[in-house]
Amino acid sequence: MKIAIIGTGNVGGALATQWAKAGHQILLGTRDLDKFEDKHLLNNANTTLLTISESAENAEVILIAAVPQATQSIAEQIKAFAKDKIVIDAMNAVRIKPEGFNNSFEALKSYLPESEIVKCFNSTGFENMANPIYHGEGIDMFVAGSSIKGKEIAQKLALDAGFSACWDFGGDDKAQLLEHFALCWINLAIMQGHGRNMAFKVIKR
């Protein structure tokens, strides 16, 4: 699968590496090719560096893992190429929200009305995306959105990244809840001092 990754910091970089290992073609999208700082990601197999618009144009799936305040700018650069494509929102508006919106998911839904948008890969730290295995078993990921197609692809990509399962949180109205869930991890891992090497897993009797 051809996956554009816009925002190649901790989260985007970890997922780029995991998906490249799984055999996907990774298209890293950057604002300025000459100032790209995460050059180590180009050592991964099947990985190419392009502009943001070029990465979206050539991709089947677009993951956005940038800062929420960049949502509008990114959407404007990819809108011409994102029609009917799956866009995965991996951002959290913890400190700063996109202007005029409660979260990045709402902003993307407004800016990209013809795209299949879901929220996923936002509910845990990047360390758990780089290595989702605990005691020999993968941890869980979670996805929200009303796009059936988008959720199916996000769930497959979660498994390809090494997660054990990707639980469906519900439709578009649950995207904000998924951000609150991310805050639960942040609270336990950072604010309560349990450390970033902790994760969530659903257990059913």
N, C-alpha and C. Protein backbone atom coordinates (compact mmCIF):
# COMPACT_ATOMS: atom_id res chain seq x y z
N MET A 1 0.84 -1.18 0.00
CA MET A 1 0.00 0.00 0.00
C MET A 1 0.88 1.24 0.00
N LYS A 2 0.49 2.27 -0.71
CA LYS A 2 1.23 3.53 -0.75
C LYS A 2 0.67 4.45 0.33
N ILE A 3 1.52 4.79 1.31
CA ILE A 3 1.09 5.57 2.46
C ILE A 3 1.87 6.87 2.54
N ALA A 4 1.16 8.00 2.46
CA ALA A 4 1.80 9.29 2.68
C ALA A 4 1.79 9.58 4.18
N ILE A 5 2.93 10.01 4.69
CA ILE A 5 3.02 10.38 6.10
C ILE A 5 3.44 11.84 6.16
N ILE A 6 2.52 12.66 6.66
CA ILE A 6 2.76 14.10 6.78
C ILE A 6 2.94 14.41 8.26
N GLY A 7 4.15 14.81 8.59
CA GLY A 7 4.53 14.96 10.00
C GLY A 7 5.40 13.77 10.35
N THR A 8 6.71 13.94 10.24
CA THR A 8 7.63 12.80 10.39
C THR A 8 8.41 12.87 11.69
N GLY A 9 7.78 13.42 12.73
CA GLY A 9 8.40 13.45 14.04
C GLY A 9 8.30 12.09 14.71
N ASN A 10 8.12 12.08 16.01
CA ASN A 10 8.15 10.82 16.76
C ASN A 10 7.10 9.82 16.31
N VAL A 11 5.84 10.25 16.23
CA VAL A 11 4.75 9.33 15.86
C VAL A 11 4.84 8.95 14.39
N GLY A 12 4.92 9.95 13.51
CA GLY A 12 5.00 9.67 12.08
C GLY A 12 6.21 8.84 11.72
N GLY A 13 7.35 9.14 12.38
CA GLY A 13 8.57 8.39 12.10
C GLY A 13 8.49 6.95 12.55
N ALA A 14 7.89 6.71 13.72
CA ALA A 14 7.75 5.34 14.21
C ALA A 14 6.85 4.52 13.30
N LEU A 15 5.74 5.11 12.87
CA LEU A 15 4.83 4.39 11.99
C LEU A 15 5.44 4.18 10.60
N ALA A 16 6.17 5.17 10.12
CA ALA A 16 6.85 5.03 8.83
C ALA A 16 7.79 3.84 8.86
N THR A 17 8.51 3.69 9.96
CA THR A 17 9.47 2.59 10.08
C THR A 17 8.76 1.24 10.16
N GLN A 18 7.72 1.16 10.97
CA GLN A 18 6.99 -0.09 11.12
C GLN A 18 6.34 -0.51 9.80
N TRP A 19 5.72 0.43 9.12
CA TRP A 19 5.03 0.10 7.87
C TRP A 19 6.01 -0.22 6.74
N ALA A 20 7.16 0.43 6.75
CA ALA A 20 8.19 0.09 5.75
C ALA A 20 8.65 -1.35 5.96
N LYS A 21 8.83 -1.75 7.22
CA LYS A 21 9.22 -3.13 7.52
C LYS A 21 8.16 -4.11 7.05
N ALA A 22 6.90 -3.69 7.09
CA ALA A 22 5.79 -4.57 6.69
C ALA A 22 5.63 -4.62 5.18
N GLY A 23 6.42 -3.84 4.45
CA GLY A 23 6.40 -3.91 3.00
C GLY A 23 5.59 -2.84 2.30
N HIS A 24 5.07 -1.88 3.05
CA HIS A 24 4.32 -0.79 2.43
C HIS A 24 5.28 0.22 1.81
N GLN A 25 4.79 0.95 0.83
CA GLN A 25 5.58 2.01 0.20
C GLN A 25 5.30 3.31 0.95
N ILE A 26 6.32 3.91 1.53
CA ILE A 26 6.16 5.07 2.38
C ILE A 26 6.58 6.33 1.64
N LEU A 27 5.68 7.32 1.61
CA LEU A 27 5.93 8.60 0.97
C LEU A 27 5.94 9.68 2.05
N LEU A 28 7.11 10.12 2.42
CA LEU A 28 7.24 11.13 3.47
C LEU A 28 6.96 12.50 2.88
N GLY A 29 5.98 13.21 3.43
CA GLY A 29 5.64 14.53 2.92
C GLY A 29 6.23 15.63 3.78
N THR A 30 6.94 16.57 3.16
CA THR A 30 7.57 17.66 3.91
C THR A 30 7.34 18.99 3.21
N ARG A 31 7.38 20.07 3.98
CA ARG A 31 7.17 21.40 3.41
C ARG A 31 8.35 21.82 2.53
N ASP A 32 9.54 21.48 2.97
CA ASP A 32 10.75 21.94 2.27
C ASP A 32 11.73 20.77 2.16
N LEU A 33 11.94 20.29 0.95
CA LEU A 33 12.80 19.13 0.74
C LEU A 33 14.22 19.38 1.23
N ASP A 34 14.69 20.62 1.08
CA ASP A 34 16.08 20.94 1.44
C ASP A 34 16.28 21.05 2.94
N LYS A 35 15.18 21.24 3.69
CA LYS A 35 15.29 21.41 5.14
C LYS A 35 14.74 20.22 5.92
N PHE A 36 14.54 19.11 5.25
CA PHE A 36 14.02 17.91 5.91
C PHE A 36 15.02 17.41 6.94
N GLU A 37 14.58 17.27 8.19
CA GLU A 37 15.49 16.94 9.29
C GLU A 37 15.54 15.45 9.64
N ASP A 38 14.51 14.70 9.25
CA ASP A 38 14.44 13.30 9.68
C ASP A 38 14.99 12.35 8.62
N LYS A 39 16.20 12.66 8.18
CA LYS A 39 16.81 11.91 7.07
C LYS A 39 17.06 10.44 7.40
N HIS A 40 17.13 10.11 8.69
CA HIS A 40 17.35 8.70 9.06
C HIS A 40 16.20 7.82 8.57
N LEU A 41 15.02 8.39 8.38
CA LEU A 41 13.87 7.60 7.91
C LEU A 41 14.06 7.14 6.47
N LEU A 42 14.92 7.84 5.74
CA LEU A 42 15.18 7.45 4.35
C LEU A 42 16.03 6.18 4.26
N ASN A 43 16.57 5.74 5.40
CA ASN A 43 17.30 4.47 5.43
C ASN A 43 16.35 3.28 5.44
N ASN A 44 15.08 3.55 5.72
CA ASN A 44 14.09 2.47 5.69
C ASN A 44 13.84 2.03 4.26
N ALA A 45 13.49 0.76 4.09
CA ALA A 45 13.14 0.27 2.77
C ALA A 45 11.87 0.95 2.26
N ASN A 46 11.73 1.02 0.95
CA ASN A 46 10.48 1.47 0.31
C ASN A 46 10.07 2.88 0.74
N THR A 47 11.04 3.75 1.02
CA THR A 47 10.73 5.08 1.55
C THR A 47 11.25 6.17 0.63
N THR A 48 10.38 7.15 0.33
CA THR A 48 10.72 8.25 -0.57
C THR A 48 10.33 9.57 0.07
N LEU A 49 11.10 10.60 -0.19
CA LEU A 49 10.82 11.94 0.32
C LEU A 49 10.23 12.80 -0.79
N LEU A 50 9.06 13.40 -0.51
CA LEU A 50 8.36 14.24 -1.47
C LEU A 50 7.82 15.48 -0.77
N THR A 51 7.31 16.42 -1.56
CA THR A 51 6.59 17.53 -0.94
C THR A 51 5.27 17.00 -0.38
N ILE A 52 4.62 17.79 0.45
CA ILE A 52 3.36 17.37 1.05
C ILE A 52 2.33 17.06 -0.03
N SER A 53 2.19 17.93 -1.00
CA SER A 53 1.19 17.71 -2.06
C SER A 53 1.55 16.51 -2.92
N GLU A 54 2.83 16.32 -3.22
CA GLU A 54 3.25 15.17 -4.03
C GLU A 54 3.00 13.87 -3.30
N SER A 55 3.25 13.85 -2.00
CA SER A 55 3.03 12.61 -1.24
C SER A 55 1.55 12.24 -1.25
N ALA A 56 0.68 13.23 -1.10
CA ALA A 56 -0.76 12.97 -1.13
C ALA A 56 -1.22 12.52 -2.50
N GLU A 57 -0.67 13.13 -3.52
CA GLU A 57 -1.07 12.79 -4.89
C GLU A 57 -0.76 11.34 -5.22
N ASN A 58 0.36 10.84 -4.73
CA ASN A 58 0.81 9.49 -5.10
C ASN A 58 0.39 8.40 -4.12
N ALA A 59 -0.29 8.79 -3.04
CA ALA A 59 -0.65 7.82 -2.00
C ALA A 59 -2.06 7.30 -2.14
N GLU A 60 -2.28 6.14 -1.52
CA GLU A 60 -3.63 5.60 -1.37
C GLU A 60 -4.22 5.99 -0.01
N VAL A 61 -3.33 6.11 0.97
CA VAL A 61 -3.70 6.47 2.34
C VAL A 61 -2.82 7.61 2.80
N ILE A 62 -3.40 8.58 3.52
CA ILE A 62 -2.65 9.73 4.00
C ILE A 62 -2.75 9.78 5.53
N LEU A 63 -1.62 9.67 6.21
CA LEU A 63 -1.58 9.81 7.66
C LEU A 63 -1.05 11.19 8.00
N ILE A 64 -1.77 11.92 8.86
CA ILE A 64 -1.31 13.24 9.29
C ILE A 64 -0.95 13.17 10.77
N ALA A 65 0.32 13.39 11.06
CA ALA A 65 0.82 13.33 12.44
C ALA A 65 1.57 14.61 12.77
N ALA A 66 1.04 15.72 12.29
CA ALA A 66 1.67 17.02 12.51
C ALA A 66 1.08 17.68 13.76
N VAL A 67 1.43 18.94 13.99
CA VAL A 67 0.83 19.69 15.10
C VAL A 67 -0.56 20.17 14.65
N PRO A 68 -1.53 20.17 15.56
CA PRO A 68 -2.91 20.51 15.18
C PRO A 68 -3.06 21.87 14.51
N GLN A 69 -2.25 22.85 14.90
CA GLN A 69 -2.39 24.17 14.32
C GLN A 69 -1.97 24.23 12.85
N ALA A 70 -1.35 23.15 12.36
CA ALA A 70 -0.98 23.09 10.95
C ALA A 70 -2.06 22.41 10.09
N THR A 71 -3.16 22.03 10.70
CA THR A 71 -4.19 21.26 10.01
C THR A 71 -4.70 21.96 8.76
N GLN A 72 -5.03 23.24 8.88
CA GLN A 72 -5.58 23.96 7.73
C GLN A 72 -4.57 24.05 6.59
N SER A 73 -3.33 24.37 6.92
CA SER A 73 -2.30 24.49 5.90
C SER A 73 -2.08 23.17 5.17
N ILE A 74 -2.04 22.08 5.93
CA ILE A 74 -1.85 20.77 5.32
C ILE A 74 -3.03 20.41 4.44
N ALA A 75 -4.24 20.65 4.95
CA ALA A 75 -5.44 20.33 4.19
C ALA A 75 -5.47 21.08 2.86
N GLU A 76 -5.06 22.33 2.88
CA GLU A 76 -5.04 23.12 1.64
C GLU A 76 -4.06 22.54 0.63
N GLN A 77 -2.95 21.97 1.11
CA GLN A 77 -1.94 21.42 0.20
C GLN A 77 -2.34 20.06 -0.37
N ILE A 78 -3.19 19.33 0.33
CA ILE A 78 -3.53 17.97 -0.14
C ILE A 78 -4.94 17.85 -0.69
N LYS A 79 -5.76 18.89 -0.54
CA LYS A 79 -7.17 18.78 -0.90
C LYS A 79 -7.39 18.31 -2.32
N ALA A 80 -6.60 18.81 -3.25
CA ALA A 80 -6.77 18.47 -4.67
C ALA A 80 -6.51 16.99 -4.93
N PHE A 81 -5.80 16.33 -4.01
CA PHE A 81 -5.41 14.94 -4.24
C PHE A 81 -6.05 13.97 -3.25
N ALA A 82 -6.82 14.49 -2.30
CA ALA A 82 -7.34 13.65 -1.21
C ALA A 82 -8.78 13.20 -1.43
N LYS A 83 -9.39 13.55 -2.53
CA LYS A 83 -10.78 13.15 -2.79
C LYS A 83 -10.90 11.63 -2.80
N ASP A 84 -11.83 11.14 -2.01
CA ASP A 84 -12.13 9.70 -1.90
C ASP A 84 -10.98 8.87 -1.31
N LYS A 85 -9.91 9.54 -0.87
CA LYS A 85 -8.81 8.81 -0.24
C LYS A 85 -9.00 8.75 1.27
N ILE A 86 -8.35 7.78 1.88
CA ILE A 86 -8.42 7.63 3.34
C ILE A 86 -7.40 8.56 3.98
N VAL A 87 -7.89 9.38 4.89
CA VAL A 87 -7.02 10.28 5.66
C VAL A 87 -7.11 9.87 7.12
N ILE A 88 -5.97 9.55 7.71
CA ILE A 88 -5.93 9.14 9.12
C ILE A 88 -5.38 10.29 9.95
N ASP A 89 -6.19 10.75 10.89
CA ASP A 89 -5.80 11.82 11.80
C ASP A 89 -5.15 11.21 13.03
N ALA A 90 -3.85 11.44 13.18
CA ALA A 90 -3.11 10.90 14.33
C ALA A 90 -2.71 12.00 15.30
N MET A 91 -3.39 13.14 15.24
CA MET A 91 -3.03 14.30 16.06
C MET A 91 -3.89 14.38 17.32
N ASN A 92 -3.39 15.11 18.31
CA ASN A 92 -4.13 15.40 19.53
C ASN A 92 -4.03 16.88 19.85
N ALA A 93 -5.18 17.52 20.03
CA ALA A 93 -5.20 18.94 20.37
C ALA A 93 -5.15 19.09 21.89
N VAL A 94 -4.04 18.68 22.47
CA VAL A 94 -3.90 18.70 23.93
C VAL A 94 -3.66 20.12 24.43
N ARG A 95 -2.74 20.82 23.80
CA ARG A 95 -2.42 22.18 24.23
C ARG A 95 -3.03 23.23 23.31
N ILE A 96 -2.95 23.00 22.00
CA ILE A 96 -3.43 23.98 21.03
C ILE A 96 -4.40 23.31 20.07
N LYS A 97 -5.55 23.96 19.87
CA LYS A 97 -6.56 23.45 18.95
C LYS A 97 -6.46 24.16 17.60
N PRO A 98 -6.88 23.51 16.52
CA PRO A 98 -6.98 24.22 15.24
C PRO A 98 -7.97 25.36 15.40
N GLU A 99 -7.64 26.51 14.87
CA GLU A 99 -8.48 27.68 15.06
C GLU A 99 -9.91 27.43 14.56
N GLY A 100 -10.88 27.63 15.47
CA GLY A 100 -12.28 27.49 15.12
C GLY A 100 -12.84 26.10 15.30
N PHE A 101 -12.03 25.15 15.79
CA PHE A 101 -12.47 23.77 15.93
C PHE A 101 -12.06 23.21 17.30
N ASN A 102 -12.80 22.18 17.75
CA ASN A 102 -12.48 21.54 19.01
C ASN A 102 -11.27 20.62 18.91
N ASN A 103 -11.04 20.07 17.72
CA ASN A 103 -9.93 19.16 17.53
C ASN A 103 -9.57 19.07 16.06
N SER A 104 -8.49 18.37 15.76
CA SER A 104 -8.02 18.27 14.37
C SER A 104 -8.97 17.45 13.51
N PHE A 105 -9.67 16.48 14.10
CA PHE A 105 -10.60 15.66 13.33
C PHE A 105 -11.73 16.52 12.77
N GLU A 106 -12.31 17.36 13.62
CA GLU A 106 -13.37 18.26 13.15
C GLU A 106 -12.86 19.17 12.05
N ALA A 107 -11.64 19.67 12.20
CA ALA A 107 -11.06 20.55 11.20
C ALA A 107 -10.88 19.82 9.86
N LEU A 108 -10.35 18.61 9.90
CA LEU A 108 -10.14 17.85 8.68
C LEU A 108 -11.47 17.52 7.99
N LYS A 109 -12.49 17.20 8.78
CA LYS A 109 -13.81 16.92 8.21
C LYS A 109 -14.35 18.14 7.47
N SER A 110 -14.05 19.31 7.99
CA SER A 110 -14.51 20.54 7.36
C SER A 110 -13.69 20.89 6.11
N TYR A 111 -12.37 20.76 6.23
CA TYR A 111 -11.49 21.15 5.13
C TYR A 111 -11.44 20.12 4.00
N LEU A 112 -11.68 18.84 4.33
CA LEU A 112 -11.59 17.76 3.33
C LEU A 112 -12.90 16.98 3.30
N PRO A 113 -13.99 17.60 2.87
CA PRO A 113 -15.31 16.96 2.94
C PRO A 113 -15.47 15.74 2.04
N GLU A 114 -14.59 15.58 1.05
CA GLU A 114 -14.72 14.46 0.12
C GLU A 114 -13.75 13.33 0.43
N SER A 115 -13.09 13.41 1.59
CA SER A 115 -12.15 12.36 1.98
C SER A 115 -12.77 11.41 3.00
N GLU A 116 -12.19 10.23 3.11
CA GLU A 116 -12.62 9.22 4.08
C GLU A 116 -11.75 9.38 5.33
N ILE A 117 -12.23 10.12 6.32
CA ILE A 117 -11.39 10.51 7.45
C ILE A 117 -11.71 9.69 8.69
N VAL A 118 -10.66 9.18 9.32
CA VAL A 118 -10.79 8.47 10.60
C VAL A 118 -9.69 8.95 11.55
N LYS A 119 -9.91 8.72 12.82
CA LYS A 119 -8.90 9.07 13.83
C LYS A 119 -8.29 7.79 14.38
N CYS A 120 -6.98 7.71 14.37
CA CYS A 120 -6.29 6.51 14.84
C CYS A 120 -4.83 6.86 15.11
N PHE A 121 -4.14 6.01 15.82
CA PHE A 121 -2.71 6.17 16.14
C PHE A 121 -2.45 7.45 16.94
N ASN A 122 -3.40 7.82 17.79
CA ASN A 122 -3.24 9.01 18.62
C ASN A 122 -3.29 8.69 20.11
N SER A 123 -3.58 7.44 20.47
CA SER A 123 -3.97 7.14 21.85
C SER A 123 -2.85 6.60 22.73
N THR A 124 -1.62 6.60 22.23
CA THR A 124 -0.50 6.12 23.03
C THR A 124 0.76 6.84 22.61
N GLY A 125 1.84 6.65 23.35
CA GLY A 125 3.09 7.32 23.04
C GLY A 125 3.81 6.70 21.86
N PHE A 126 4.71 7.48 21.27
CA PHE A 126 5.41 7.01 20.08
C PHE A 126 6.26 5.78 20.37
N GLU A 127 6.73 5.64 21.61
CA GLU A 127 7.52 4.45 21.95
C GLU A 127 6.72 3.18 21.72
N ASN A 128 5.42 3.25 21.99
CA ASN A 128 4.56 2.08 21.81
C ASN A 128 4.23 1.83 20.34
N MET A 129 4.45 2.81 19.50
CA MET A 129 4.28 2.59 18.06
C MET A 129 5.56 2.02 17.46
N ALA A 130 6.69 2.46 18.02
CA ALA A 130 7.97 1.91 17.57
C ALA A 130 8.14 0.46 18.00
N ASN A 131 7.56 0.13 19.18
CA ASN A 131 7.62 -1.24 19.68
C ASN A 131 6.36 -1.54 20.48
N PRO A 132 5.31 -2.07 19.84
CA PRO A 132 4.05 -2.33 20.52
C PRO A 132 3.96 -3.68 21.22
N ILE A 133 5.08 -4.35 21.39
CA ILE A 133 5.08 -5.69 21.99
C ILE A 133 5.44 -5.61 23.47
N TYR A 134 4.55 -6.17 24.31
CA TYR A 134 4.77 -6.26 25.74
C TYR A 134 4.67 -7.73 26.15
N HIS A 135 5.74 -8.26 26.73
CA HIS A 135 5.74 -9.64 27.20
C HIS A 135 5.28 -10.61 26.11
N GLY A 136 5.76 -10.35 24.90
CA GLY A 136 5.48 -11.24 23.78
C GLY A 136 4.15 -11.05 23.10
N GLU A 137 3.39 -10.04 23.50
CA GLU A 137 2.06 -9.83 22.91
C GLU A 137 1.88 -8.37 22.54
N GLY A 138 1.22 -8.12 21.41
CA GLY A 138 0.98 -6.76 20.97
C GLY A 138 -0.07 -6.06 21.82
N ILE A 139 0.12 -4.76 22.03
CA ILE A 139 -0.88 -3.96 22.73
C ILE A 139 -2.00 -3.58 21.76
N ASP A 140 -2.99 -2.83 22.22
CA ASP A 140 -4.15 -2.50 21.39
C ASP A 140 -4.10 -1.06 20.89
N MET A 141 -4.71 -0.86 19.72
CA MET A 141 -4.89 0.46 19.14
C MET A 141 -6.40 0.68 19.01
N PHE A 142 -6.79 1.93 18.75
CA PHE A 142 -8.20 2.29 18.72
C PHE A 142 -8.45 3.25 17.56
N VAL A 143 -9.64 3.15 16.95
CA VAL A 143 -9.97 3.98 15.80
C VAL A 143 -11.39 4.49 15.92
N ALA A 144 -11.64 5.70 15.43
CA ALA A 144 -12.99 6.28 15.43
C ALA A 144 -13.23 6.97 14.09
N GLY A 145 -14.50 7.00 13.69
CA GLY A 145 -14.88 7.67 12.45
C GLY A 145 -16.05 6.95 11.81
N SER A 146 -16.76 7.66 10.96
CA SER A 146 -17.94 7.08 10.31
C SER A 146 -17.61 6.43 8.98
N SER A 147 -16.38 6.54 8.53
CA SER A 147 -15.97 5.90 7.28
C SER A 147 -15.65 4.42 7.52
N ILE A 148 -16.49 3.54 7.02
CA ILE A 148 -16.25 2.09 7.17
C ILE A 148 -14.95 1.70 6.48
N LYS A 149 -14.78 2.20 5.27
CA LYS A 149 -13.57 1.90 4.50
C LYS A 149 -12.33 2.40 5.24
N GLY A 150 -12.41 3.61 5.77
CA GLY A 150 -11.27 4.19 6.49
C GLY A 150 -10.90 3.38 7.71
N LYS A 151 -11.92 2.93 8.45
CA LYS A 151 -11.64 2.16 9.66
C LYS A 151 -11.05 0.79 9.31
N GLU A 152 -11.53 0.18 8.26
CA GLU A 152 -10.99 -1.12 7.87
C GLU A 152 -9.50 -1.02 7.53
N ILE A 153 -9.13 0.04 6.80
CA ILE A 153 -7.73 0.22 6.43
C ILE A 153 -6.89 0.56 7.65
N ALA A 154 -7.39 1.44 8.52
CA ALA A 154 -6.65 1.80 9.73
C ALA A 154 -6.42 0.57 10.61
N GLN A 155 -7.43 -0.28 10.71
CA GLN A 155 -7.29 -1.49 11.52
C GLN A 155 -6.24 -2.42 10.93
N LYS A 156 -6.22 -2.54 9.61
CA LYS A 156 -5.21 -3.38 8.96
C LYS A 156 -3.81 -2.81 9.19
N LEU A 157 -3.69 -1.50 9.08
CA LEU A 157 -2.38 -0.88 9.26
C LEU A 157 -1.91 -0.99 10.71
N ALA A 158 -2.85 -0.98 11.64
CA ALA A 158 -2.48 -1.18 13.05
C ALA A 158 -1.88 -2.56 13.25
N LEU A 159 -2.49 -3.57 12.66
CA LEU A 159 -1.94 -4.92 12.76
C LEU A 159 -0.58 -5.01 12.07
N ASP A 160 -0.44 -4.34 10.93
CA ASP A 160 0.83 -4.34 10.22
C ASP A 160 1.94 -3.66 11.02
N ALA A 161 1.55 -2.74 11.89
CA ALA A 161 2.53 -2.03 12.74
C ALA A 161 2.88 -2.83 13.99
N GLY A 162 2.19 -3.96 14.19
CA GLY A 162 2.52 -4.82 15.32
C GLY A 162 1.53 -4.82 16.46
N PHE A 163 0.46 -4.04 16.34
CA PHE A 163 -0.56 -4.04 17.39
C PHE A 163 -1.37 -5.33 17.32
N SER A 164 -1.86 -5.77 18.47
CA SER A 164 -2.61 -7.02 18.54
C SER A 164 -4.02 -6.87 17.98
N ALA A 165 -4.64 -5.71 18.22
CA ALA A 165 -5.99 -5.45 17.77
C ALA A 165 -6.17 -3.95 17.63
N CYS A 166 -7.19 -3.55 16.87
CA CYS A 166 -7.55 -2.15 16.73
C CYS A 166 -9.05 -2.04 16.95
N TRP A 167 -9.45 -1.54 18.11
CA TRP A 167 -10.85 -1.52 18.51
C TRP A 167 -11.59 -0.33 17.91
N ASP A 168 -12.81 -0.60 17.44
CA ASP A 168 -13.65 0.43 16.86
C ASP A 168 -14.34 1.22 17.97
N PHE A 169 -14.00 2.50 18.10
CA PHE A 169 -14.56 3.36 19.14
C PHE A 169 -15.93 3.93 18.74
N GLY A 170 -16.28 3.82 17.47
CA GLY A 170 -17.55 4.36 17.00
C GLY A 170 -17.36 5.34 15.85
N GLY A 171 -18.39 6.15 15.59
CA GLY A 171 -18.39 7.05 14.44
C GLY A 171 -17.69 8.37 14.69
N ASP A 172 -18.00 9.35 13.82
CA ASP A 172 -17.36 10.65 13.92
C ASP A 172 -17.55 11.29 15.29
N ASP A 173 -18.69 11.01 15.92
CA ASP A 173 -18.98 11.63 17.21
C ASP A 173 -18.09 11.10 18.34
N LYS A 174 -17.34 10.05 18.06
CA LYS A 174 -16.45 9.48 19.09
C LYS A 174 -14.99 9.90 18.91
N ALA A 175 -14.71 10.72 17.91
CA ALA A 175 -13.32 11.16 17.70
C ALA A 175 -12.81 11.97 18.88
N GLN A 176 -13.67 12.83 19.42
CA GLN A 176 -13.28 13.61 20.59
C GLN A 176 -13.03 12.71 21.80
N LEU A 177 -13.87 11.66 21.92
CA LEU A 177 -13.69 10.71 23.02
C LEU A 177 -12.33 10.02 22.91
N LEU A 178 -11.91 9.74 21.68
CA LEU A 178 -10.62 9.10 21.48
C LEU A 178 -9.48 10.03 21.88
N GLU A 179 -9.67 11.34 21.70
CA GLU A 179 -8.67 12.29 22.19
C GLU A 179 -8.63 12.30 23.72
N HIS A 180 -9.81 12.20 24.35
CA HIS A 180 -9.85 12.12 25.80
C HIS A 180 -9.16 10.85 26.29
N PHE A 181 -9.31 9.79 25.54
CA PHE A 181 -8.66 8.52 25.87
C PHE A 181 -7.14 8.69 25.81
N ALA A 182 -6.68 9.45 24.81
CA ALA A 182 -5.25 9.74 24.72
C ALA A 182 -4.77 10.50 25.95
N LEU A 183 -5.60 11.39 26.45
CA LEU A 183 -5.25 12.15 27.65
C LEU A 183 -5.14 11.24 28.87
N CYS A 184 -5.91 10.15 28.86
CA CYS A 184 -5.80 9.18 29.95
C CYS A 184 -4.40 8.56 29.97
N TRP A 185 -3.90 8.21 28.79
CA TRP A 185 -2.54 7.66 28.72
C TRP A 185 -1.53 8.70 29.16
N ILE A 186 -1.68 9.93 28.67
CA ILE A 186 -0.77 11.01 29.04
C ILE A 186 -0.79 11.24 30.54
N ASN A 187 -1.98 11.20 31.13
CA ASN A 187 -2.10 11.40 32.57
C ASN A 187 -1.35 10.32 33.35
N LEU A 188 -1.59 9.06 33.00
CA LEU A 188 -0.95 7.97 33.72
C LEU A 188 0.56 7.93 33.47
N ALA A 189 0.93 8.03 32.21
CA ALA A 189 2.34 7.86 31.85
C ALA A 189 3.20 9.02 32.32
N ILE A 190 2.70 10.23 32.15
CA ILE A 190 3.53 11.41 32.38
C ILE A 190 3.14 12.13 33.67
N MET A 191 1.88 12.54 33.78
CA MET A 191 1.47 13.34 34.93
C MET A 191 1.53 12.54 36.24
N GLN A 192 1.16 11.27 36.18
CA GLN A 192 1.20 10.44 37.39
C GLN A 192 2.52 9.71 37.54
N GLY A 193 3.40 9.87 36.57
CA GLY A 193 4.76 9.39 36.71
C GLY A 193 4.99 7.91 36.53
N HIS A 194 4.08 7.21 35.83
CA HIS A 194 4.27 5.77 35.64
C HIS A 194 5.24 5.45 34.50
N GLY A 195 5.61 6.46 33.72
CA GLY A 195 6.56 6.24 32.65
C GLY A 195 5.89 5.94 31.33
N ARG A 196 6.60 6.20 30.25
CA ARG A 196 6.03 6.10 28.91
C ARG A 196 5.95 4.66 28.41
N ASN A 197 6.63 3.72 29.09
CA ASN A 197 6.56 2.32 28.68
C ASN A 197 5.39 1.63 29.37
N MET A 198 4.19 2.13 29.08
CA MET A 198 2.95 1.54 29.54
C MET A 198 1.93 1.69 28.43
N ALA A 199 0.93 0.81 28.43
CA ALA A 199 -0.02 0.82 27.32
C ALA A 199 -1.35 0.22 27.74
N PHE A 200 -2.35 0.39 26.88
CA PHE A 200 -3.68 -0.15 27.14
C PHE A 200 -3.92 -1.42 26.33
N LYS A 201 -4.62 -2.38 26.96
CA LYS A 201 -5.06 -3.57 26.25
C LYS A 201 -6.42 -3.97 26.78
N VAL A 202 -7.35 -4.24 25.86
CA VAL A 202 -8.70 -4.67 26.25
C VAL A 202 -8.68 -6.16 26.55
N ILE A 203 -9.23 -6.52 27.69
CA ILE A 203 -9.33 -7.94 28.06
C ILE A 203 -10.80 -8.29 28.24
N LYS A 204 -11.25 -9.36 27.60
CA LYS A 204 -12.65 -9.78 27.69
C LYS A 204 -12.73 -11.14 28.38
N ARG A 205 -13.73 -11.29 29.22
CA ARG A 205 -13.91 -12.56 29.90
C ARG A 205 -14.70 -13.52 29.01
